[in-house]
Amino acid sequence: MTAAVKKRLRDQYRSLDPVALLAAIRAIQEELGNRVDHRAGQARGPQPAHTSILPATAATFAKTLGSARA
């Protein structure tokens, strides 16, 4: 593996944020659920807009693990 490839991979690794990724996945899942409900004629009505999809702290994030958002 060349030094340039190693550097690119290291830079990419350093940019990864699992907390932000999980928050984005949950937001997208919620949007998908809303769309499925709407198509089925069961629209839940407007859902509250998220001002921030990121937990305030790592402790807040940890408390949400394993819980499903409805």
C-alpha atoms as a PDB file:
ATOM      1  CA  MET A   1       0.000   0.000   0.000  1.00  0.00           C
ATOM      2  CA  THR A   2       1.415   3.369  -0.947  1.00  0.00           C
ATOM      3  CA  ALA A   3       2.030   6.153   1.555  1.00  0.00           C
ATOM      4  CA  ALA A   4      -0.562   8.310  -0.216  1.00  0.00           C
ATOM      5  CA  VAL A   5      -3.243   5.633   0.197  1.00  0.00           C
ATOM      6  CA  LYS A   6      -2.345   5.171   3.874  1.00  0.00           C
ATOM      7  CA  LYS A   7      -2.580   8.920   4.459  1.00  0.00           C
ATOM      8  CA  ARG A   8      -5.953   9.129   2.695  1.00  0.00           C
ATOM      9  CA  LEU A   9      -7.318   6.234   4.768  1.00  0.00           C
ATOM     10  CA  ARG A  10      -5.998   7.729   8.011  1.00  0.00           C
ATOM     11  CA  ASP A  11      -7.555  11.103   7.169  1.00  0.00           C
ATOM     12  CA  GLN A  12     -10.872   9.432   6.381  1.00  0.00           C
ATOM     13  CA  TYR A  13     -10.751   7.422   9.622  1.00  0.00           C
ATOM     14  CA  ARG A  14     -10.148  10.575  11.665  1.00  0.00           C
ATOM     15  CA  SER A  15     -13.192  12.230  10.086  1.00  0.00           C
ATOM     16  CA  LEU A  16     -15.603   9.445  11.086  1.00  0.00           C
ATOM     17  CA  ASP A  17     -18.102  10.288  13.829  1.00  0.00           C
ATOM     18  CA  PRO A  18     -20.252   7.316  14.935  1.00  0.00           C
ATOM     19  CA  VAL A  19     -22.504   9.537  17.081  1.00  0.00           C
ATOM     20  CA  ALA A  20     -23.327  11.790  14.130  1.00  0.00           C
ATOM     21  CA  LEU A  21     -23.793   8.760  11.883  1.00  0.00           C
ATOM     22  CA  LEU A  22     -26.274   7.137  14.279  1.00  0.00           C
ATOM     23  CA  ALA A  23     -28.199  10.400  14.642  1.00  0.00           C
ATOM     24  CA  ALA A  24     -28.396  10.757  10.862  1.00  0.00           C
ATOM     25  CA  ILE A  25     -29.556   7.147  10.484  1.00  0.00           C
ATOM     26  CA  ARG A  26     -32.308   7.667  13.063  1.00  0.00           C
ATOM     27  CA  ALA A  27     -33.486  10.878  11.383  1.00  0.00           C
ATOM     28  CA  ILE A  28     -33.611   9.129   8.013  1.00  0.00           C
ATOM     29  CA  GLN A  29     -35.479   6.162   9.531  1.00  0.00           C
ATOM     30  CA  GLU A  30     -38.038   8.555  11.001  1.00  0.00           C
ATOM     31  CA  GLU A  31     -38.500  10.248   7.628  1.00  0.00           C
ATOM     32  CA  LEU A  32     -38.868   6.862   5.942  1.00  0.00           C
ATOM     33  CA  GLY A  33     -41.487   5.836   8.506  1.00  0.00           C
ATOM     34  CA  ASN A  34     -43.411   9.043   7.860  1.00  0.00           C
ATOM     35  CA  ARG A  35     -43.366   8.412   4.118  1.00  0.00           C
ATOM     36  CA  VAL A  36     -44.509   4.795   4.507  1.00  0.00           C
ATOM     37  CA  ASP A  37     -47.327   5.882   6.829  1.00  0.00           C
ATOM     38  CA  HIS A  38     -48.365   8.588   4.381  1.00  0.00           C
ATOM     39  CA  ARG A  39     -48.468   6.164   1.460  1.00  0.00           C
ATOM     40  CA  ALA A  40     -50.555   3.743   3.503  1.00  0.00           C
ATOM     41  CA  GLY A  41     -53.043   6.515   4.284  1.00  0.00           C
ATOM     42  CA  GLN A  42     -52.016   6.655   7.905  1.00  0.00           C
ATOM     43  CA  ALA A  43     -50.169   9.951   7.946  1.00  0.00           C
ATOM     44  CA  ARG A  44     -49.105  10.789  11.479  1.00  0.00           C
ATOM     45  CA  GLY A  45     -49.380  14.476  10.786  1.00  0.00           C
ATOM     46  CA  PRO A  46     -46.483  16.848  10.822  1.00  0.00           C
ATOM     47  CA  GLN A  47     -43.614  15.618  12.905  1.00  0.00           C
ATOM     48  CA  PRO A  48     -41.613  18.105  14.950  1.00  0.00           C
ATOM     49  CA  ALA A  49     -38.609  19.468  13.139  1.00  0.00           C
ATOM     50  CA  HIS A  50     -35.321  18.545  14.717  1.00  0.00           C
ATOM     51  CA  THR A  51     -33.215  21.555  15.490  1.00  0.00           C
ATOM     52  CA  SER A  52     -30.226  19.302  15.991  1.00  0.00           C
ATOM     53  CA  ILE A  53     -29.882  15.610  15.288  1.00  0.00           C
ATOM     54  CA  LEU A  54     -26.816  15.280  17.481  1.00  0.00           C
ATOM     55  CA  PRO A  55     -27.029  14.366  21.168  1.00  0.00           C
ATOM     56  CA  ALA A  56     -25.711  17.079  23.463  1.00  0.00           C
ATOM     57  CA  THR A  57     -23.169  14.797  25.118  1.00  0.00           C
ATOM     58  CA  ALA A  58     -21.783  11.303  24.897  1.00  0.00           C
ATOM     59  CA  ALA A  59     -23.826  10.428  28.006  1.00  0.00           C
ATOM     60  CA  THR A  60     -27.015  11.562  26.274  1.00  0.00           C
ATOM     61  CA  PHE A  61     -26.074   9.480  23.261  1.00  0.00           C
ATOM     62  CA  ALA A  62     -25.380   6.419  25.404  1.00  0.00           C
ATOM     63  CA  LYS A  63     -28.813   6.675  27.035  1.00  0.00           C
ATOM     64  CA  THR A  64     -30.476   6.464  23.610  1.00  0.00           C
ATOM     65  CA  LEU A  65     -28.715   3.287  22.540  1.00  0.00           C
ATOM     66  CA  GLY A  66     -31.090   0.407  22.222  1.00  0.00           C
ATOM     67  CA  SER A  67     -34.169   2.585  22.227  1.00  0.00           C
ATOM     68  CA  ALA A  68     -36.383   2.846  19.193  1.00  0.00           C
ATOM     69  CA  ARG A  69     -37.814   6.166  18.135  1.00  0.00           C
ATOM     70  CA  ALA A  70     -41.458   6.098  17.222  1.00  0.00           C
END
